[in-house]
């Protein structure tokens, strides 16, 4: 079955602000439709909505102890568990990955010491 998409009245999708700053498309005009033989299916707005909808992550098989701890910490901070986990993920993603850290370190100029590290450690110990 081949579907051909058309919007009546030259309707064009446009983004709209939803609750919480989420965007979802709305259509100008009426009756966005797809003709499939004799059937009429509203798909244009649905298609654009799917492209702009929030992404969801599901984590399975969380140990009971970890779940209880997450729930308690979220409650202590006055957040839902979902908001607490989003904040944890965002905070983690602000830090550089292991590969990024290695690249940064490799890009640094080598340090040239005038004394050996053993001599520096000995001097520090003797000063105590």
PDB file of N, CA and C in Angstrom:
ATOM      1  N   UNK A   1       0.854  -1.176   0.000  1.00  0.00           N
ATOM      2  CA  UNK A   1       0.000   0.000   0.000  1.00  0.00           C
ATOM      3  C   UNK A   1       0.891   1.227   0.000  1.00  0.00           C
ATOM      4  N   UNK A   2       0.678   2.114  -0.933  1.00  0.00           N
ATOM      5  CA  UNK A   2       1.445   3.347  -1.007  1.00  0.00           C
ATOM      6  C   UNK A   2       0.564   4.479  -0.511  1.00  0.00           C
ATOM      7  N   UNK A   3       1.076   5.245   0.462  1.00  0.00           N
ATOM      8  CA  UNK A   3       0.319   6.354   1.019  1.00  0.00           C
ATOM      9  C   UNK A   3       0.817   7.650   0.415  1.00  0.00           C
ATOM     10  N   UNK A   4      -0.101   8.514   0.040  1.00  0.00           N
ATOM     11  CA  UNK A   4       0.291   9.839  -0.442  1.00  0.00           C
ATOM     12  C   UNK A   4      -0.242  10.856   0.538  1.00  0.00           C
ATOM     13  N   UNK A   5       0.656  11.722   1.045  1.00  0.00           N
ATOM     14  CA  UNK A   5       0.275  12.682   2.079  1.00  0.00           C
ATOM     15  C   UNK A   5      -0.127  14.000   1.458  1.00  0.00           C
ATOM     16  N   UNK A   6      -1.165  14.599   2.000  1.00  0.00           N
ATOM     17  CA  UNK A   6      -1.543  15.943   1.604  1.00  0.00           C
ATOM     18  C   UNK A   6      -2.279  16.591   2.768  1.00  0.00           C
ATOM     19  N   UNK A   7      -2.156  17.886   2.891  1.00  0.00           N
ATOM     20  CA  UNK A   7      -2.906  18.643   3.887  1.00  0.00           C
ATOM     21  C   UNK A   7      -3.906  19.495   3.130  1.00  0.00           C
ATOM     22  N   UNK A   8      -5.171  19.470   3.548  1.00  0.00           N
ATOM     23  CA  UNK A   8      -6.158  20.287   2.863  1.00  0.00           C
ATOM     24  C   UNK A   8      -5.940  21.748   3.210  1.00  0.00           C
ATOM     25  N   UNK A   9      -6.403  22.633   2.390  1.00  0.00           N
ATOM     26  CA  UNK A   9      -6.274  24.084   2.579  1.00  0.00           C
ATOM     27  C   UNK A   9      -4.815  24.502   2.703  1.00  0.00           C
ATOM     28  N   UNK A  10      -3.901  23.769   2.050  1.00  0.00           N
ATOM     29  CA  UNK A  10      -2.467  24.064   2.123  1.00  0.00           C
ATOM     30  C   UNK A  10      -1.974  24.200   3.559  1.00  0.00           C
ATOM     31  N   UNK A  11      -2.466  23.363   4.442  1.00  0.00           N
ATOM     32  CA  UNK A  11      -2.078  23.430   5.852  1.00  0.00           C
ATOM     33  C   UNK A  11      -0.596  23.111   5.997  1.00  0.00           C
ATOM     34  N   UNK A  12       0.070  23.855   6.838  1.00  0.00           N
ATOM     35  CA  UNK A  12       1.486  23.641   7.116  1.00  0.00           C
ATOM     36  C   UNK A  12       1.656  23.432   8.616  1.00  0.00           C
ATOM     37  N   UNK A  13       2.489  22.480   9.015  1.00  0.00           N
ATOM     38  CA  UNK A  13       2.710  22.294  10.447  1.00  0.00           C
ATOM     39  C   UNK A  13       3.509  23.462  11.009  1.00  0.00           C
ATOM     40  N   UNK A  14       3.266  23.799  12.257  1.00  0.00           N
ATOM     41  CA  UNK A  14       4.042  24.834  12.933  1.00  0.00           C
ATOM     42  C   UNK A  14       4.278  24.389  14.363  1.00  0.00           C
ATOM     43  N   UNK A  15       5.445  24.730  14.955  1.00  0.00           N
ATOM     44  CA  UNK A  15       5.688  24.351  16.338  1.00  0.00           C
ATOM     45  C   UNK A  15       4.867  25.214  17.291  1.00  0.00           C
ATOM     46  N   UNK A  16       4.456  24.643  18.399  1.00  0.00           N
ATOM     47  CA  UNK A  16       3.716  25.390  19.414  1.00  0.00           C
ATOM     48  C   UNK A  16       4.296  25.054  20.772  1.00  0.00           C
ATOM     49  N   UNK A  17       4.340  26.027  21.660  1.00  0.00           N
ATOM     50  CA  UNK A  17       4.847  25.790  23.011  1.00  0.00           C
ATOM     51  C   UNK A  17       3.791  25.047  23.811  1.00  0.00           C
ATOM     52  N   UNK A  18       4.207  23.967  24.408  1.00  0.00           N
ATOM     53  CA  UNK A  18       3.321  23.225  25.281  1.00  0.00           C
ATOM     54  C   UNK A  18       3.681  23.506  26.728  1.00  0.00           C
ATOM     55  N   UNK A  19       3.055  22.824  27.651  1.00  0.00           N
ATOM     56  CA  UNK A  19       3.358  22.992  29.064  1.00  0.00           C
ATOM     57  C   UNK A  19       4.789  22.570  29.338  1.00  0.00           C
ATOM     58  N   UNK A  20       5.468  23.313  30.159  1.00  0.00           N
ATOM     59  CA  UNK A  20       6.838  22.972  30.524  1.00  0.00           C
ATOM     60  C   UNK A  20       7.845  23.272  29.434  1.00  0.00           C
ATOM     61  N   UNK A  21       7.482  24.093  28.445  1.00  0.00           N
ATOM     62  CA  UNK A  21       8.421  24.450  27.392  1.00  0.00           C
ATOM     63  C   UNK A  21       8.562  23.406  26.305  1.00  0.00           C
ATOM     64  N   UNK A  22       7.795  22.331  26.394  1.00  0.00           N
ATOM     65  CA  UNK A  22       7.868  21.295  25.359  1.00  0.00           C
ATOM     66  C   UNK A  22       7.240  21.831  24.080  1.00  0.00           C
ATOM     67  N   UNK A  23       7.811  21.482  22.945  1.00  0.00           N
ATOM     68  CA  UNK A  23       7.218  21.914  21.689  1.00  0.00           C
ATOM     69  C   UNK A  23       6.550  20.740  21.023  1.00  0.00           C
ATOM     70  N   UNK A  24       5.440  21.008  20.411  1.00  0.00           N
ATOM     71  CA  UNK A  24       4.759  20.004  19.618  1.00  0.00           C
ATOM     72  C   UNK A  24       4.123  20.719  18.454  1.00  0.00           C
ATOM     73  N   UNK A  25       4.065  20.108  17.307  1.00  0.00           N
ATOM     74  CA  UNK A  25       3.528  20.803  16.148  1.00  0.00           C
ATOM     75  C   UNK A  25       2.008  20.829  16.139  1.00  0.00           C
ATOM     76  N   UNK A  26       1.492  21.908  15.631  1.00  0.00           N
ATOM     77  CA  UNK A  26       0.068  22.025  15.345  1.00  0.00           C
ATOM     78  C   UNK A  26      -0.049  22.273  13.856  1.00  0.00           C
ATOM     79  N   UNK A  27      -1.205  22.042  13.278  1.00  0.00           N
ATOM     80  CA  UNK A  27      -1.368  22.276  11.848  1.00  0.00           C
ATOM     81  C   UNK A  27      -2.257  23.477  11.631  1.00  0.00           C
ATOM     82  N   UNK A  28      -1.885  24.297  10.640  1.00  0.00           N
ATOM     83  CA  UNK A  28      -2.774  25.338  10.171  1.00  0.00           C
ATOM     84  C   UNK A  28      -3.805  24.663   9.280  1.00  0.00           C
ATOM     85  N   UNK A  29      -4.922  25.269   9.127  1.00  0.00           N
ATOM     86  CA  UNK A  29      -5.918  24.707   8.230  1.00  0.00           C
ATOM     87  C   UNK A  29      -6.666  23.575   8.906  1.00  0.00           C
ATOM     88  N   UNK A  30      -7.340  22.807   8.098  1.00  0.00           N
ATOM     89  CA  UNK A  30      -8.141  21.725   8.650  1.00  0.00           C
ATOM     90  C   UNK A  30      -7.816  20.410   7.980  1.00  0.00           C
ATOM     91  N   UNK A  31      -8.112  19.380   8.710  1.00  0.00           N
ATOM     92  CA  UNK A  31      -8.110  18.024   8.180  1.00  0.00           C
ATOM     93  C   UNK A  31      -6.831  17.616   7.449  1.00  0.00           C
ATOM     94  N   UNK A  32      -5.683  17.600   8.113  1.00  0.00           N
ATOM     95  CA  UNK A  32      -4.527  17.016   7.450  1.00  0.00           C
ATOM     96  C   UNK A  32      -4.805  15.529   7.262  1.00  0.00           C
ATOM     97  N   UNK A  33      -4.632  15.030   6.038  1.00  0.00           N
ATOM     98  CA  UNK A  33      -5.054  13.658   5.758  1.00  0.00           C
ATOM     99  C   UNK A  33      -4.063  12.945   4.872  1.00  0.00           C
ATOM    100  N   UNK A  34      -4.145  11.646   4.914  1.00  0.00           N
ATOM    101  CA  UNK A  34      -3.412  10.798   3.978  1.00  0.00           C
ATOM    102  C   UNK A  34      -4.448   9.959   3.270  1.00  0.00           C
ATOM    103  N   UNK A  35      -4.359   9.937   1.954  1.00  0.00           N
ATOM    104  CA  UNK A  35      -5.316   9.149   1.180  1.00  0.00           C
ATOM    105  C   UNK A  35      -4.746   7.759   0.976  1.00  0.00           C
ATOM    106  N   UNK A  36      -5.462   6.760   1.402  1.00  0.00           N
ATOM    107  CA  UNK A  36      -5.068   5.364   1.208  1.00  0.00           C
ATOM    108  C   UNK A  36      -6.287   4.661   0.648  1.00  0.00           C
ATOM    109  N   UNK A  37      -6.364   4.582  -0.670  1.00  0.00           N
ATOM    110  CA  UNK A  37      -7.569   4.025  -1.270  1.00  0.00           C
ATOM    111  C   UNK A  37      -8.732   4.926  -0.907  1.00  0.00           C
ATOM    112  N   UNK A  38      -9.714   4.399  -0.203  1.00  0.00           N
ATOM    113  CA  UNK A  38     -10.859   5.193   0.199  1.00  0.00           C
ATOM    114  C   UNK A  38     -10.735   5.720   1.624  1.00  0.00           C
ATOM    115  N   UNK A  39      -9.716   5.266   2.384  1.00  0.00           N
ATOM    116  CA  UNK A  39      -9.617   5.667   3.788  1.00  0.00           C
ATOM    117  C   UNK A  39      -8.929   7.013   3.929  1.00  0.00           C
ATOM    118  N   UNK A  40      -9.330   7.775   4.912  1.00  0.00           N
ATOM    119  CA  UNK A  40      -8.695   9.049   5.238  1.00  0.00           C
ATOM    120  C   UNK A  40      -8.071   8.905   6.629  1.00  0.00           C
ATOM    121  N   UNK A  41      -6.778   9.136   6.718  1.00  0.00           N
ATOM    122  CA  UNK A  41      -6.073   8.959   7.990  1.00  0.00           C
ATOM    123  C   UNK A  41      -5.350  10.257   8.330  1.00  0.00           C
ATOM    124  N   UNK A  42      -5.551  10.778   9.525  1.00  0.00           N
ATOM    125  CA  UNK A  42      -4.850  11.984   9.982  1.00  0.00           C
ATOM    126  C   UNK A  42      -3.419  11.582  10.342  1.00  0.00           C
ATOM    127  N   UNK A  43      -2.439  11.997   9.538  1.00  0.00           N
ATOM    128  CA  UNK A  43      -1.073  11.562   9.798  1.00  0.00           C
ATOM    129  C   UNK A  43      -0.054  12.691   9.770  1.00  0.00           C
ATOM    130  N   UNK A  44      -0.323  13.773   9.086  1.00  0.00           N
ATOM    131  CA  UNK A  44       0.667  14.841   8.973  1.00  0.00           C
ATOM    132  C   UNK A  44       1.021  15.392  10.352  1.00  0.00           C
ATOM    133  N   UNK A  45       0.023  15.794  11.120  1.00  0.00           N
ATOM    134  CA  UNK A  45       0.299  16.349  12.447  1.00  0.00           C
ATOM    135  C   UNK A  45       0.924  15.296  13.347  1.00  0.00           C
ATOM    136  N   UNK A  46       0.458  14.076  13.239  1.00  0.00           N
ATOM    137  CA  UNK A  46       1.028  12.999  14.040  1.00  0.00           C
ATOM    138  C   UNK A  46       2.495  12.807  13.699  1.00  0.00           C
ATOM    139  N   UNK A  47       2.825  12.828  12.422  1.00  0.00           N
ATOM    140  CA  UNK A  47       4.210  12.670  11.983  1.00  0.00           C
ATOM    141  C   UNK A  47       5.090  13.763  12.576  1.00  0.00           C
ATOM    142  N   UNK A  48       4.664  15.022  12.459  1.00  0.00           N
ATOM    143  CA  UNK A  48       5.476  16.119  12.977  1.00  0.00           C
ATOM    144  C   UNK A  48       5.529  16.107  14.501  1.00  0.00           C
ATOM    145  N   UNK A  49       4.457  15.663  15.142  1.00  0.00           N
ATOM    146  CA  UNK A  49       4.453  15.569  16.602  1.00  0.00           C
ATOM    147  C   UNK A  49       5.504  14.556  17.063  1.00  0.00           C
ATOM    148  N   UNK A  50       5.562  13.411  16.401  1.00  0.00           N
ATOM    149  CA  UNK A  50       6.524  12.370  16.773  1.00  0.00           C
ATOM    150  C   UNK A  50       7.949  12.880  16.625  1.00  0.00           C
ATOM    151  N   UNK A  51       8.212  13.673  15.604  1.00  0.00           N
ATOM    152  CA  UNK A  51       9.561  14.215  15.412  1.00  0.00           C
ATOM    153  C   UNK A  51       9.979  15.138  16.542  1.00  0.00           C
ATOM    154  N   UNK A  52       9.024  15.820  17.175  1.00  0.00           N
ATOM    155  CA  UNK A  52       9.342  16.824  18.183  1.00  0.00           C
ATOM    156  C   UNK A  52       9.018  16.398  19.614  1.00  0.00           C
ATOM    157  N   UNK A  53       8.480  15.223  19.810  1.00  0.00           N
ATOM    158  CA  UNK A  53       8.096  14.831  21.154  1.00  0.00           C
ATOM    159  C   UNK A  53       9.330  14.505  22.001  1.00  0.00           C
ATOM    160  N   UNK A  54       9.178  14.617  23.308  1.00  0.00           N
ATOM    161  CA  UNK A  54      10.271  14.318  24.226  1.00  0.00           C
ATOM    162  C   UNK A  54      10.677  12.866  24.110  1.00  0.00           C
ATOM    163  N   UNK A  55      11.940  12.613  24.370  1.00  0.00           N
ATOM    164  CA  UNK A  55      12.456  11.249  24.328  1.00  0.00           C
ATOM    165  C   UNK A  55      12.311  10.614  25.711  1.00  0.00           C
ATOM    166  N   UNK A  56      12.107   9.327  25.738  1.00  0.00           N
ATOM    167  CA  UNK A  56      11.920   8.600  26.989  1.00  0.00           C
ATOM    168  C   UNK A  56      12.998   7.531  27.119  1.00  0.00           C
ATOM    169  N   UNK A  57      13.431   7.312  28.344  1.00  0.00           N
ATOM    170  CA  UNK A  57      14.410   6.270  28.645  1.00  0.00           C
ATOM    171  C   UNK A  57      13.798   5.380  29.715  1.00  0.00           C
ATOM    172  N   UNK A  58      13.904   4.096  29.511  1.00  0.00           N
ATOM    173  CA  UNK A  58      13.416   3.154  30.515  1.00  0.00           C
ATOM    174  C   UNK A  58      14.588   2.294  30.961  1.00  0.00           C
ATOM    175  N   UNK A  59      14.762   2.181  32.271  1.00  0.00           N
ATOM    176  CA  UNK A  59      15.843   1.367  32.820  1.00  0.00           C
ATOM    177  C   UNK A  59      15.193   0.199  33.542  1.00  0.00           C
ATOM    178  N   UNK A  60      15.608  -0.992  33.173  1.00  0.00           N
ATOM    179  CA  UNK A  60      15.006  -2.193  33.765  1.00  0.00           C
ATOM    180  C   UNK A  60      15.962  -2.834  34.755  1.00  0.00           C
ATOM    181  N   UNK A  61      15.388  -3.655  35.605  1.00  0.00           N
ATOM    182  CA  UNK A  61      16.132  -4.485  36.552  1.00  0.00           C
ATOM    183  C   UNK A  61      17.013  -3.664  37.488  1.00  0.00           C
ATOM    184  N   UNK A  62      16.431  -2.612  38.067  1.00  0.00           N
ATOM    185  CA  UNK A  62      17.117  -1.824  39.088  1.00  0.00           C
ATOM    186  C   UNK A  62      16.989  -2.584  40.404  1.00  0.00           C
ATOM    187  N   UNK A  63      18.095  -2.818  41.101  1.00  0.00           N
ATOM    188  CA  UNK A  63      17.994  -3.502  42.393  1.00  0.00           C
ATOM    189  C   UNK A  63      17.118  -2.715  43.376  1.00  0.00           C
ATOM    190  N   UNK A  64      16.404  -3.425  44.203  1.00  0.00           N
ATOM    191  CA  UNK A  64      15.469  -2.807  45.148  1.00  0.00           C
ATOM    192  C   UNK A  64      16.157  -1.770  46.033  1.00  0.00           C
ATOM    193  N   UNK A  65      17.346  -2.074  46.508  1.00  0.00           N
ATOM    194  CA  UNK A  65      18.082  -1.150  47.387  1.00  0.00           C
ATOM    195  C   UNK A  65      18.417   0.154  46.652  1.00  0.00           C
ATOM    196  N   UNK A  66      18.824   0.057  45.399  1.00  0.00           N
ATOM    197  CA  UNK A  66      19.143   1.249  44.598  1.00  0.00           C
ATOM    198  C   UNK A  66      17.876   2.068  44.372  1.00  0.00           C
ATOM    199  N   UNK A  67      16.775   1.408  44.072  1.00  0.00           N
ATOM    200  CA  UNK A  67      15.498   2.095  43.853  1.00  0.00           C
ATOM    201  C   UNK A  67      15.068   2.842  45.102  1.00  0.00           C
ATOM    202  N   UNK A  68      15.154   2.191  46.261  1.00  0.00           N
ATOM    203  CA  UNK A  68      14.774   2.844  47.520  1.00  0.00           C
ATOM    204  C   UNK A  68      15.645   4.069  47.784  1.00  0.00           C
ATOM    205  N   UNK A  69      16.958   3.935  47.538  1.00  0.00           N
ATOM    206  CA  UNK A  69      17.885   5.049  47.765  1.00  0.00           C
ATOM    207  C   UNK A  69      17.567   6.214  46.842  1.00  0.00           C
ATOM    208  N   UNK A  70      17.329   5.927  45.554  1.00  0.00           N
ATOM    209  CA  UNK A  70      16.974   6.985  44.605  1.00  0.00           C
ATOM    210  C   UNK A  70      15.685   7.686  45.027  1.00  0.00           C
ATOM    211  N   UNK A  71      14.708   6.902  45.420  1.00  0.00           N
ATOM    212  CA  UNK A  71      13.414   7.455  45.818  1.00  0.00           C
ATOM    213  C   UNK A  71      13.572   8.345  47.050  1.00  0.00           C
ATOM    214  N   UNK A  72      14.365   7.897  48.012  1.00  0.00           N
ATOM    215  CA  UNK A  72      14.584   8.678  49.233  1.00  0.00           C
ATOM    216  C   UNK A  72      15.330   9.978  48.930  1.00  0.00           C
ATOM    217  N   UNK A  73      16.356   9.911  48.108  1.00  0.00           N
ATOM    218  CA  UNK A  73      17.121  11.122  47.777  1.00  0.00           C
ATOM    219  C   UNK A  73      16.275  12.115  46.991  1.00  0.00           C
ATOM    220  N   UNK A  74      15.457  11.616  46.080  1.00  0.00           N
ATOM    221  CA  UNK A  74      14.570  12.505  45.327  1.00  0.00           C
ATOM    222  C   UNK A  74      13.603  13.198  46.289  1.00  0.00           C
ATOM    223  N   UNK A  75      13.050  12.445  47.232  1.00  0.00           N
ATOM    224  CA  UNK A  75      12.116  13.020  48.204  1.00  0.00           C
ATOM    225  C   UNK A  75      12.811  14.047  49.090  1.00  0.00           C
ATOM    226  N   UNK A  76      14.045  13.783  49.503  1.00  0.00           N
ATOM    227  CA  UNK A  76      14.794  14.735  50.332  1.00  0.00           C
ATOM    228  C   UNK A  76      14.981  16.065  49.608  1.00  0.00           C
ATOM    229  N   UNK A  77      15.125  16.015  48.302  1.00  0.00           N
ATOM    230  CA  UNK A  77      15.346  17.231  47.525  1.00  0.00           C
ATOM    231  C   UNK A  77      14.046  17.813  46.988  1.00  0.00           C
ATOM    232  N   UNK A  78      12.919  17.190  47.321  1.00  0.00           N
ATOM    233  CA  UNK A  78      11.628  17.704  46.890  1.00  0.00           C
ATOM    234  C   UNK A  78      11.382  17.532  45.404  1.00  0.00           C
ATOM    235  N   UNK A  79      11.968  16.493  44.817  1.00  0.00           N
ATOM    236  CA  UNK A  79      11.828  16.245  43.383  1.00  0.00           C
ATOM    237  C   UNK A  79      11.153  14.904  43.149  1.00  0.00           C
ATOM    238  N   UNK A  80      10.538  14.784  41.994  1.00  0.00           N
ATOM    239  CA  UNK A  80      10.057  13.464  41.590  1.00  0.00           C
ATOM    240  C   UNK A  80      11.286  12.638  41.229  1.00  0.00           C
ATOM    241  N   UNK A  81      11.143  11.339  41.211  1.00  0.00           N
ATOM    242  CA  UNK A  81      12.288  10.500  40.858  1.00  0.00           C
ATOM    243  C   UNK A  81      12.735  10.786  39.430  1.00  0.00           C
ATOM    244  N   UNK A  82      11.791  11.045  38.545  1.00  0.00           N
ATOM    245  CA  UNK A  82      12.126  11.352  37.160  1.00  0.00           C
ATOM    246  C   UNK A  82      12.973  12.625  37.076  1.00  0.00           C
ATOM    247  N   UNK A  83      12.547  13.689  37.777  1.00  0.00           N
ATOM    248  CA  UNK A  83      13.310  14.939  37.772  1.00  0.00           C
ATOM    249  C   UNK A  83      14.678  14.769  38.418  1.00  0.00           C
ATOM    250  N   UNK A  84      14.728  13.977  39.487  1.00  0.00           N
ATOM    251  CA  UNK A  84      16.004  13.726  40.161  1.00  0.00           C
ATOM    252  C   UNK A  84      16.967  12.987  39.224  1.00  0.00           C
ATOM    253  N   UNK A  85      16.472  11.971  38.530  1.00  0.00           N
ATOM    254  CA  UNK A  85      17.318  11.220  37.601  1.00  0.00           C
ATOM    255  C   UNK A  85      17.754  12.078  36.421  1.00  0.00           C
ATOM    256  N   UNK A  86      16.860  12.947  35.912  1.00  0.00           N
ATOM    257  CA  UNK A  86      17.248  13.859  34.832  1.00  0.00           C
ATOM    258  C   UNK A  86      18.389  14.757  35.284  1.00  0.00           C
ATOM    259  N   UNK A  87      18.293  15.261  36.504  1.00  0.00           N
ATOM    260  CA  UNK A  87      19.348  16.129  37.024  1.00  0.00           C
ATOM    261  C   UNK A  87      20.664  15.373  37.167  1.00  0.00           C
ATOM    262  N   UNK A  88      20.605  14.128  37.652  1.00  0.00           N
ATOM    263  CA  UNK A  88      21.825  13.316  37.756  1.00  0.00           C
ATOM    264  C   UNK A  88      22.466  13.089  36.390  1.00  0.00           C
ATOM    265  N   UNK A  89      21.654  12.783  35.403  1.00  0.00           N
ATOM    266  CA  UNK A  89      22.172  12.528  34.058  1.00  0.00           C
ATOM    267  C   UNK A  89      22.773  13.805  33.473  1.00  0.00           C
ATOM    268  N   UNK A  90      22.066  14.930  33.622  1.00  0.00           N
ATOM    269  CA  UNK A  90      22.585  16.196  33.092  1.00  0.00           C
ATOM    270  C   UNK A  90      23.905  16.565  33.755  1.00  0.00           C
ATOM    271  N   UNK A  91      24.003  16.367  35.062  1.00  0.00           N
ATOM    272  CA  UNK A  91      25.238  16.667  35.790  1.00  0.00           C
ATOM    273  C   UNK A  91      26.376  15.764  35.316  1.00  0.00           C
ATOM    274  N   UNK A  92      26.075  14.505  35.101  1.00  0.00           N
ATOM    275  CA  UNK A  92      27.103  13.581  34.635  1.00  0.00           C
ATOM    276  C   UNK A  92      27.590  13.944  33.235  1.00  0.00           C
ATOM    277  N   UNK A  93      26.676  14.364  32.372  1.00  0.00           N
ATOM    278  CA  UNK A  93      27.045  14.694  31.000  1.00  0.00           C
ATOM    279  C   UNK A  93      27.813  16.012  30.884  1.00  0.00           C
ATOM    280  N   UNK A  94      27.804  16.826  31.933  1.00  0.00           N
ATOM    281  CA  UNK A  94      28.592  18.057  31.926  1.00  0.00           C
ATOM    282  C   UNK A  94      30.082  17.761  32.109  1.00  0.00           C
ATOM    283  N   UNK A  95      30.381  16.632  32.727  1.00  0.00           N
ATOM    284  CA  UNK A  95      31.782  16.247  32.924  1.00  0.00           C
ATOM    285  C   UNK A  95      32.312  15.600  31.656  1.00  0.00           C
ATOM    286  N   UNK A  96      33.607  15.793  31.382  1.00  0.00           N
ATOM    287  CA  UNK A  96      34.173  15.167  30.180  1.00  0.00           C
ATOM    288  C   UNK A  96      34.234  13.644  30.329  1.00  0.00           C
ATOM    289  N   UNK A  97      34.121  12.952  29.217  1.00  0.00           N
ATOM    290  CA  UNK A  97      34.235  11.491  29.229  1.00  0.00           C
ATOM    291  C   UNK A  97      35.697  11.109  29.444  1.00  0.00           C
ATOM    292  N   UNK A  98      35.938   9.825  29.679  1.00  0.00           N
ATOM    293  CA  UNK A  98      37.299   9.342  29.885  1.00  0.00           C
ATOM    294  C   UNK A  98      38.164   9.643  28.655  1.00  0.00           C
ATOM    295  N   UNK A  99      37.646   9.386  27.476  1.00  0.00           N
ATOM    296  CA  UNK A  99      38.397   9.648  26.240  1.00  0.00           C
ATOM    297  C   UNK A  99      38.727  11.133  26.086  1.00  0.00           C
ATOM    298  N   UNK A 100      37.761  11.996  26.425  1.00  0.00           N
ATOM    299  CA  UNK A 100      38.013  13.431  26.344  1.00  0.00           C
ATOM    300  C   UNK A 100      39.110  13.859  27.317  1.00  0.00           C
ATOM    301  N   UNK A 101      39.106  13.286  28.519  1.00  0.00           N
ATOM    302  CA  UNK A 101      40.148  13.608  29.501  1.00  0.00           C
ATOM    303  C   UNK A 101      41.519  13.165  29.005  1.00  0.00           C
ATOM    304  N   UNK A 102      41.596  11.978  28.438  1.00  0.00           N
ATOM    305  CA  UNK A 102      42.871  11.480  27.919  1.00  0.00           C
ATOM    306  C   UNK A 102      43.383  12.405  26.817  1.00  0.00           C
ATOM    307  N   UNK A 103      42.504  12.822  25.918  1.00  0.00           N
ATOM    308  CA  UNK A 103      42.907  13.727  24.839  1.00  0.00           C
ATOM    309  C   UNK A 103      43.400  15.061  25.388  1.00  0.00           C
ATOM    310  N   UNK A 104      42.724  15.579  26.416  1.00  0.00           N
ATOM    311  CA  UNK A 104      43.154  16.844  27.027  1.00  0.00           C
ATOM    312  C   UNK A 104      44.539  16.703  27.655  1.00  0.00           C
ATOM    313  N   UNK A 105      44.753  15.611  28.355  1.00  0.00           N
ATOM    314  CA  UNK A 105      46.043  15.393  29.028  1.00  0.00           C
ATOM    315  C   UNK A 105      47.152  15.224  27.997  1.00  0.00           C
ATOM    316  N   UNK A 106      46.852  14.468  26.945  1.00  0.00           N
ATOM    317  CA  UNK A 106      47.865  14.267  25.899  1.00  0.00           C
ATOM    318  C   UNK A 106      48.216  15.573  25.192  1.00  0.00           C
ATOM    319  N   UNK A 107      47.277  16.520  25.135  1.00  0.00           N
ATOM    320  CA  UNK A 107      47.527  17.796  24.465  1.00  0.00           C
ATOM    321  C   UNK A 107      48.360  18.754  25.313  1.00  0.00           C
ATOM    322  N   UNK A 108      48.486  18.486  26.612  1.00  0.00           N
ATOM    323  CA  UNK A 108      49.261  19.364  27.498  1.00  0.00           C
ATOM    324  C   UNK A 108      50.755  19.239  27.215  1.00  0.00           C
ATOM    325  N   UNK A 109      51.455  20.334  27.468  1.00  0.00           N
ATOM    326  CA  UNK A 109      52.917  20.317  27.352  1.00  0.00           C
ATOM    327  C   UNK A 109      53.491  19.469  28.485  1.00  0.00           C
ATOM    328  N   UNK A 110      54.514  18.689  28.215  1.00  0.00           N
ATOM    329  CA  UNK A 110      55.118  17.896  29.290  1.00  0.00           C
ATOM    330  C   UNK A 110      55.758  18.812  30.334  1.00  0.00           C
ATOM    331  N   UNK A 111      55.700  18.387  31.574  1.00  0.00           N
ATOM    332  CA  UNK A 111      56.294  19.149  32.673  1.00  0.00           C
ATOM    333  C   UNK A 111      57.744  18.705  32.825  1.00  0.00           C
ATOM    334  N   UNK A 112      58.637  19.675  32.868  1.00  0.00           N
ATOM    335  CA  UNK A 112      60.060  19.372  33.055  1.00  0.00           C
ATOM    336  C   UNK A 112      60.450  19.776  34.466  1.00  0.00           C
ATOM    337  N   UNK A 113      60.833  18.797  35.253  1.00  0.00           N
ATOM    338  CA  UNK A 113      61.225  19.041  36.636  1.00  0.00           C
ATOM    339  C   UNK A 113      62.739  19.218  36.718  1.00  0.00           C
ATOM    340  N   UNK A 114      63.130  20.107  37.620  1.00  0.00           N
ATOM    341  CA  UNK A 114      64.577  20.300  37.820  1.00  0.00           C
ATOM    342  C   UNK A 114      65.141  19.239  38.751  1.00  0.00           C
ATOM    343  N   UNK A 115      64.281  18.651  39.578  1.00  0.00           N
ATOM    344  CA  UNK A 115      64.693  17.588  40.501  1.00  0.00           C
ATOM    345  C   UNK A 115      63.814  16.371  40.253  1.00  0.00           C
ATOM    346  N   UNK A 116      64.261  15.216  40.686  1.00  0.00           N
ATOM    347  CA  UNK A 116      63.459  14.002  40.549  1.00  0.00           C
ATOM    348  C   UNK A 116      62.301  14.061  41.539  1.00  0.00           C
ATOM    349  N   UNK A 117      61.264  13.319  41.243  1.00  0.00           N
ATOM    350  CA  UNK A 117      60.118  13.294  42.151  1.00  0.00           C
ATOM    351  C   UNK A 117      60.511  12.701  43.495  1.00  0.00           C
ATOM    352  N   UNK A 118      61.405  11.739  43.494  1.00  0.00           N
ATOM    353  CA  UNK A 118      61.862  11.147  44.754  1.00  0.00           C
ATOM    354  C   UNK A 118      62.532  12.206  45.624  1.00  0.00           C
ATOM    355  N   UNK A 119      63.344  13.072  45.027  1.00  0.00           N
ATOM    356  CA  UNK A 119      64.014  14.129  45.788  1.00  0.00           C
ATOM    357  C   UNK A 119      62.994  15.129  46.332  1.00  0.00           C
ATOM    358  N   UNK A 120      61.969  15.453  45.550  1.00  0.00           N
ATOM    359  CA  UNK A 120      60.938  16.369  46.012  1.00  0.00           C
ATOM    360  C   UNK A 120      60.141  15.777  47.175  1.00  0.00           C
ATOM    361  N   UNK A 121      59.817  14.493  47.085  1.00  0.00           N
ATOM    362  CA  UNK A 121      59.088  13.819  48.167  1.00  0.00           C
ATOM    363  C   UNK A 121      59.952  13.770  49.410  1.00  0.00           C
ATOM    364  N   UNK A 122      61.233  13.428  49.268  1.00  0.00           N
ATOM    365  CA  UNK A 122      62.155  13.360  50.413  1.00  0.00           C
ATOM    366  C   UNK A 122      62.260  14.732  51.085  1.00  0.00           C
ATOM    367  N   UNK A 123      62.389  15.798  50.296  1.00  0.00           N
ATOM    368  CA  UNK A 123      62.491  17.141  50.852  1.00  0.00           C
ATOM    369  C   UNK A 123      61.234  17.504  51.654  1.00  0.00           C
ATOM    370  N   UNK A 124      60.066  17.138  51.122  1.00  0.00           N
ATOM    371  CA  UNK A 124      58.799  17.405  51.829  1.00  0.00           C
ATOM    372  C   UNK A 124      58.731  16.622  53.133  1.00  0.00           C
ATOM    373  N   UNK A 125      59.133  15.362  53.132  1.00  0.00           N
ATOM    374  CA  UNK A 125      59.109  14.537  54.349  1.00  0.00           C
ATOM    375  C   UNK A 125      60.084  15.068  55.388  1.00  0.00           C
ATOM    376  N   UNK A 126      61.263  15.500  54.926  1.00  0.00           N
ATOM    377  CA  UNK A 126      62.272  16.002  55.868  1.00  0.00           C
ATOM    378  C   UNK A 126      61.850  17.322  56.489  1.00  0.00           C
ATOM    379  N   UNK A 127      60.976  18.068  55.826  1.00  0.00           N
ATOM    380  CA  UNK A 127      60.555  19.353  56.365  1.00  0.00           C
ATOM    381  C   UNK A 127      59.532  19.215  57.505  1.00  0.00           C
ATOM    382  N   UNK A 128      59.025  18.037  57.740  1.00  0.00           N
ATOM    383  CA  UNK A 128      58.007  17.818  58.798  1.00  0.00           C
ATOM    384  C   UNK A 128      58.632  17.489  60.110  1.00  0.00           C
TER     385      UNK A 128
END
